[in-house]
Amino acid sequence: MSSAELVRRALERIATCTNAKELRQLAENARTLGNDEVRKAALRKLYAVSPDAVPGTLEHDVWQSIFALEGALTEERGKTVRLARTRQKIARDGELATVSDLIMKRASDGYRMLMERGWPELTFEAVALRHPDRFEPITLGNARARLATPKA
């Protein structure tokens, strides 16, 4: 079987997989084999299936972003990293207030890290724009402005 065929089959498997453990293993196998396309696809799907919230909700999108950033930080640092302060703020104030507050501040390292990885859709700014009915106009304006100037 050709390598192109193996990649195609792996991507098909990822597309239908909803098991986090299996997706983690697929990503690790792809990393070991040096296949960045399959690794990124497996990680992206892992972050999509990991949240407990209903897909399409603000809560799901927020946790998807958190899992993606934690995964990126874990990979970069070689040890498990959790966004403790963000998780604490969500527990205290909820997803909506946390996202709003972070968008109203300067761009975070997490924002830059997600942008550098080519995942602008996972930033809290993009999350807010997908749920405009939940956010104040000024927050949405800040989100739009930041995404329009990715080096923010």
C-alpha atoms as a PDB file:
ATOM      1  CA  MET A   1       0.000   0.000   0.000  1.00  0.00           C
ATOM      2  CA  SER A   2       1.384   3.427  -0.941  1.00  0.00           C
ATOM      3  CA  SER A   3       2.070   6.103   1.653  1.00  0.00           C
ATOM      4  CA  ALA A   4      -0.585   8.315   0.029  1.00  0.00           C
ATOM      5  CA  GLU A   5      -3.118   5.512   0.480  1.00  0.00           C
ATOM      6  CA  LEU A   6      -2.106   5.061   4.131  1.00  0.00           C
ATOM      7  CA  VAL A   7      -2.542   8.790   4.753  1.00  0.00           C
ATOM      8  CA  ARG A   8      -5.942   8.764   3.033  1.00  0.00           C
ATOM      9  CA  ARG A   9      -7.095   5.819   5.159  1.00  0.00           C
ATOM     10  CA  ALA A  10      -5.795   7.417   8.355  1.00  0.00           C
ATOM     11  CA  LEU A  11      -7.628  10.666   7.566  1.00  0.00           C
ATOM     12  CA  GLU A  12     -10.847   8.729   6.848  1.00  0.00           C
ATOM     13  CA  ARG A  13     -10.497   6.913  10.171  1.00  0.00           C
ATOM     14  CA  ILE A  14      -9.934  10.199  11.997  1.00  0.00           C
ATOM     15  CA  ALA A  15     -12.992  11.762  10.362  1.00  0.00           C
ATOM     16  CA  THR A  16     -15.292   9.104  11.828  1.00  0.00           C
ATOM     17  CA  CYS A  17     -13.536   8.508  15.151  1.00  0.00           C
ATOM     18  CA  THR A  18     -15.062   9.851  18.376  1.00  0.00           C
ATOM     19  CA  ASN A  19     -12.791   8.023  20.825  1.00  0.00           C
ATOM     20  CA  ALA A  20     -10.326  10.420  22.480  1.00  0.00           C
ATOM     21  CA  LYS A  21      -7.873   7.664  23.421  1.00  0.00           C
ATOM     22  CA  GLU A  22      -7.755   6.354  19.851  1.00  0.00           C
ATOM     23  CA  LEU A  23      -7.314   9.868  18.428  1.00  0.00           C
ATOM     24  CA  ARG A  24      -4.447  10.529  20.858  1.00  0.00           C
ATOM     25  CA  GLN A  25      -2.790   7.299  19.720  1.00  0.00           C
ATOM     26  CA  LEU A  26      -3.273   8.161  16.039  1.00  0.00           C
ATOM     27  CA  ALA A  27      -1.667  11.564  16.640  1.00  0.00           C
ATOM     28  CA  GLU A  28       1.256   9.993  18.495  1.00  0.00           C
ATOM     29  CA  ASN A  29       1.777   7.362  15.777  1.00  0.00           C
ATOM     30  CA  ALA A  30       1.713  10.062  13.102  1.00  0.00           C
ATOM     31  CA  ARG A  31       4.243  12.135  15.081  1.00  0.00           C
ATOM     32  CA  THR A  32       6.540   9.116  15.366  1.00  0.00           C
ATOM     33  CA  LEU A  33       6.260   8.515  11.614  1.00  0.00           C
ATOM     34  CA  GLY A  34       6.755  12.193  10.819  1.00  0.00           C
ATOM     35  CA  ASN A  35       3.340  12.658   9.211  1.00  0.00           C
ATOM     36  CA  ASP A  36       2.299  16.148  10.260  1.00  0.00           C
ATOM     37  CA  GLU A  37      -0.915  16.155   8.204  1.00  0.00           C
ATOM     38  CA  VAL A  38      -2.317  13.104   9.987  1.00  0.00           C
ATOM     39  CA  ARG A  39      -1.022  14.294  13.382  1.00  0.00           C
ATOM     40  CA  LYS A  40      -2.717  17.684  13.037  1.00  0.00           C
ATOM     41  CA  ALA A  41      -5.962  16.122  11.818  1.00  0.00           C
ATOM     42  CA  ALA A  42      -6.021  13.685  14.752  1.00  0.00           C
ATOM     43  CA  LEU A  43      -5.302  16.446  17.273  1.00  0.00           C
ATOM     44  CA  ARG A  44      -7.919  18.757  15.762  1.00  0.00           C
ATOM     45  CA  LYS A  45     -10.524  15.986  15.968  1.00  0.00           C
ATOM     46  CA  LEU A  46      -9.394  15.121  19.515  1.00  0.00           C
ATOM     47  CA  TYR A  47     -10.042  18.703  20.609  1.00  0.00           C
ATOM     48  CA  ALA A  48     -13.456  18.616  18.931  1.00  0.00           C
ATOM     49  CA  VAL A  49     -14.610  15.435  20.703  1.00  0.00           C
ATOM     50  CA  SER A  50     -13.079  16.139  24.131  1.00  0.00           C
ATOM     51  CA  PRO A  51     -15.519  18.725  25.572  1.00  0.00           C
ATOM     52  CA  ASP A  52     -18.480  17.403  27.541  1.00  0.00           C
ATOM     53  CA  ALA A  53     -20.747  20.219  26.325  1.00  0.00           C
ATOM     54  CA  VAL A  54     -23.072  19.872  23.339  1.00  0.00           C
ATOM     55  CA  PRO A  55     -21.274  20.592  20.032  1.00  0.00           C
ATOM     56  CA  GLY A  56     -22.155  23.968  18.575  1.00  0.00           C
ATOM     57  CA  THR A  57     -22.678  25.627  21.951  1.00  0.00           C
ATOM     58  CA  LEU A  58     -20.517  28.401  23.356  1.00  0.00           C
ATOM     59  CA  GLU A  59     -19.455  26.097  26.176  1.00  0.00           C
ATOM     60  CA  HIS A  60     -18.300  23.383  23.754  1.00  0.00           C
ATOM     61  CA  ASP A  61     -16.354  25.870  21.653  1.00  0.00           C
ATOM     62  CA  VAL A  62     -14.664  27.378  24.724  1.00  0.00           C
ATOM     63  CA  TRP A  63     -13.540  23.987  26.028  1.00  0.00           C
ATOM     64  CA  GLN A  64     -12.407  22.919  22.571  1.00  0.00           C
ATOM     65  CA  SER A  65     -10.154  25.989  22.536  1.00  0.00           C
ATOM     66  CA  ILE A  66      -8.853  25.254  26.026  1.00  0.00           C
ATOM     67  CA  PHE A  67      -8.052  21.633  25.169  1.00  0.00           C
ATOM     68  CA  ALA A  68      -6.269  22.744  21.981  1.00  0.00           C
ATOM     69  CA  LEU A  69      -4.116  25.277  23.808  1.00  0.00           C
ATOM     70  CA  GLU A  70      -3.343  22.855  26.633  1.00  0.00           C
ATOM     71  CA  GLY A  71      -2.341  20.270  24.023  1.00  0.00           C
ATOM     72  CA  ALA A  72      -0.063  22.754  22.268  1.00  0.00           C
ATOM     73  CA  LEU A  73       1.561  23.795  25.551  1.00  0.00           C
ATOM     74  CA  THR A  74       1.994  20.176  26.629  1.00  0.00           C
ATOM     75  CA  GLU A  75       3.648  19.346  23.312  1.00  0.00           C
ATOM     76  CA  GLU A  76       5.911  22.394  23.492  1.00  0.00           C
ATOM     77  CA  ARG A  77       7.004  21.867  27.105  1.00  0.00           C
ATOM     78  CA  GLY A  78       7.137  18.080  27.138  1.00  0.00           C
ATOM     79  CA  LYS A  79       4.926  17.809  30.219  1.00  0.00           C
ATOM     80  CA  THR A  80       1.214  18.062  30.930  1.00  0.00           C
ATOM     81  CA  VAL A  81       0.045  21.668  31.098  1.00  0.00           C
ATOM     82  CA  ARG A  82      -3.380  22.837  32.272  1.00  0.00           C
ATOM     83  CA  LEU A  83      -4.674  26.390  31.990  1.00  0.00           C
ATOM     84  CA  ALA A  84      -5.319  26.550  35.727  1.00  0.00           C
ATOM     85  CA  ARG A  85      -6.202  30.248  35.933  1.00  0.00           C
ATOM     86  CA  THR A  86      -8.547  30.075  32.957  1.00  0.00           C
ATOM     87  CA  ARG A  87     -10.219  26.961  34.369  1.00  0.00           C
ATOM     88  CA  GLN A  88     -10.598  28.646  37.778  1.00  0.00           C
ATOM     89  CA  LYS A  89     -12.109  31.760  36.210  1.00  0.00           C
ATOM     90  CA  ILE A  90     -14.587  29.636  34.243  1.00  0.00           C
ATOM     91  CA  ALA A  91     -15.549  27.784  37.435  1.00  0.00           C
ATOM     92  CA  ARG A  92     -16.057  31.115  39.204  1.00  0.00           C
ATOM     93  CA  ASP A  93     -17.558  33.322  36.449  1.00  0.00           C
ATOM     94  CA  GLY A  94     -18.609  30.987  33.613  1.00  0.00           C
ATOM     95  CA  GLU A  95     -17.468  30.614  30.016  1.00  0.00           C
ATOM     96  CA  LEU A  96     -19.160  33.764  28.694  1.00  0.00           C
ATOM     97  CA  ALA A  97     -17.608  36.165  31.220  1.00  0.00           C
ATOM     98  CA  THR A  98     -14.197  34.525  30.935  1.00  0.00           C
ATOM     99  CA  VAL A  99     -14.103  34.778  27.150  1.00  0.00           C
ATOM    100  CA  SER A 100     -15.402  38.360  27.222  1.00  0.00           C
ATOM    101  CA  ASP A 101     -12.827  39.443  29.793  1.00  0.00           C
ATOM    102  CA  LEU A 102      -9.933  37.864  27.899  1.00  0.00           C
ATOM    103  CA  ILE A 103     -10.980  39.417  24.586  1.00  0.00           C
ATOM    104  CA  MET A 104     -11.082  42.851  26.226  1.00  0.00           C
ATOM    105  CA  LYS A 105      -7.448  42.504  27.375  1.00  0.00           C
ATOM    106  CA  ARG A 106      -4.281  42.501  25.276  1.00  0.00           C
ATOM    107  CA  ALA A 107      -3.747  39.472  23.054  1.00  0.00           C
ATOM    108  CA  SER A 108      -2.541  36.572  25.173  1.00  0.00           C
ATOM    109  CA  ASP A 109       0.312  34.167  24.549  1.00  0.00           C
ATOM    110  CA  GLY A 110      -2.384  31.545  24.011  1.00  0.00           C
ATOM    111  CA  TYR A 111      -3.930  33.610  21.225  1.00  0.00           C
ATOM    112  CA  ARG A 112      -0.547  33.955  19.528  1.00  0.00           C
ATOM    113  CA  MET A 113       0.203  30.258  19.962  1.00  0.00           C
ATOM    114  CA  LEU A 114      -3.088  29.201  18.341  1.00  0.00           C
ATOM    115  CA  MET A 115      -2.534  31.655  15.474  1.00  0.00           C
ATOM    116  CA  GLU A 116       1.022  30.383  14.912  1.00  0.00           C
ATOM    117  CA  ARG A 117      -0.305  26.840  14.683  1.00  0.00           C
ATOM    118  CA  GLY A 118      -2.810  27.872  12.021  1.00  0.00           C
ATOM    119  CA  TRP A 119      -5.812  27.476  14.325  1.00  0.00           C
ATOM    120  CA  PRO A 120      -7.447  30.928  14.309  1.00  0.00           C
ATOM    121  CA  GLU A 121     -10.860  29.268  14.590  1.00  0.00           C
ATOM    122  CA  LEU A 122      -9.894  28.030  18.060  1.00  0.00           C
ATOM    123  CA  THR A 123      -9.145  31.461  19.515  1.00  0.00           C
ATOM    124  CA  PHE A 124     -11.638  32.909  21.984  1.00  0.00           C
ATOM    125  CA  GLU A 125     -12.063  35.771  19.502  1.00  0.00           C
ATOM    126  CA  ALA A 126     -13.341  33.346  16.855  1.00  0.00           C
ATOM    127  CA  VAL A 127     -15.519  31.620  19.454  1.00  0.00           C
ATOM    128  CA  ALA A 128     -17.173  34.952  20.291  1.00  0.00           C
ATOM    129  CA  LEU A 129     -17.802  35.703  16.620  1.00  0.00           C
ATOM    130  CA  ARG A 130     -19.488  32.295  16.191  1.00  0.00           C
ATOM    131  CA  HIS A 131     -21.852  33.185  19.048  1.00  0.00           C
ATOM    132  CA  PRO A 132     -22.557  36.907  18.462  1.00  0.00           C
ATOM    133  CA  ASP A 133     -25.902  36.812  20.263  1.00  0.00           C
ATOM    134  CA  ARG A 134     -24.095  36.016  23.529  1.00  0.00           C
ATOM    135  CA  PHE A 135     -21.564  38.885  23.520  1.00  0.00           C
ATOM    136  CA  GLU A 136     -21.647  42.665  23.844  1.00  0.00           C
ATOM    137  CA  PRO A 137     -20.965  44.661  20.654  1.00  0.00           C
ATOM    138  CA  ILE A 138     -17.708  46.076  22.074  1.00  0.00           C
ATOM    139  CA  THR A 139     -16.412  42.564  22.752  1.00  0.00           C
ATOM    140  CA  LEU A 140     -17.291  41.480  19.220  1.00  0.00           C
ATOM    141  CA  GLY A 141     -15.556  44.579  17.861  1.00  0.00           C
ATOM    142  CA  ASN A 142     -12.376  43.764  19.776  1.00  0.00           C
ATOM    143  CA  ALA A 143     -12.543  40.169  18.537  1.00  0.00           C
ATOM    144  CA  ARG A 144     -12.934  41.276  14.906  1.00  0.00           C
ATOM    145  CA  ALA A 145     -10.119  43.817  15.199  1.00  0.00           C
ATOM    146  CA  ARG A 146      -7.702  41.326  16.740  1.00  0.00           C
ATOM    147  CA  LEU A 147      -8.415  38.647  14.147  1.00  0.00           C
ATOM    148  CA  ALA A 148      -8.002  41.226  11.362  1.00  0.00           C
ATOM    149  CA  THR A 149      -4.460  41.923  12.606  1.00  0.00           C
ATOM    150  CA  PRO A 150      -3.134  38.438  13.462  1.00  0.00           C
ATOM    151  CA  LYS A 151       0.134  39.773  14.881  1.00  0.00           C
ATOM    152  CA  ALA A 152      -1.838  41.505  17.669  1.00  0.00           C
END
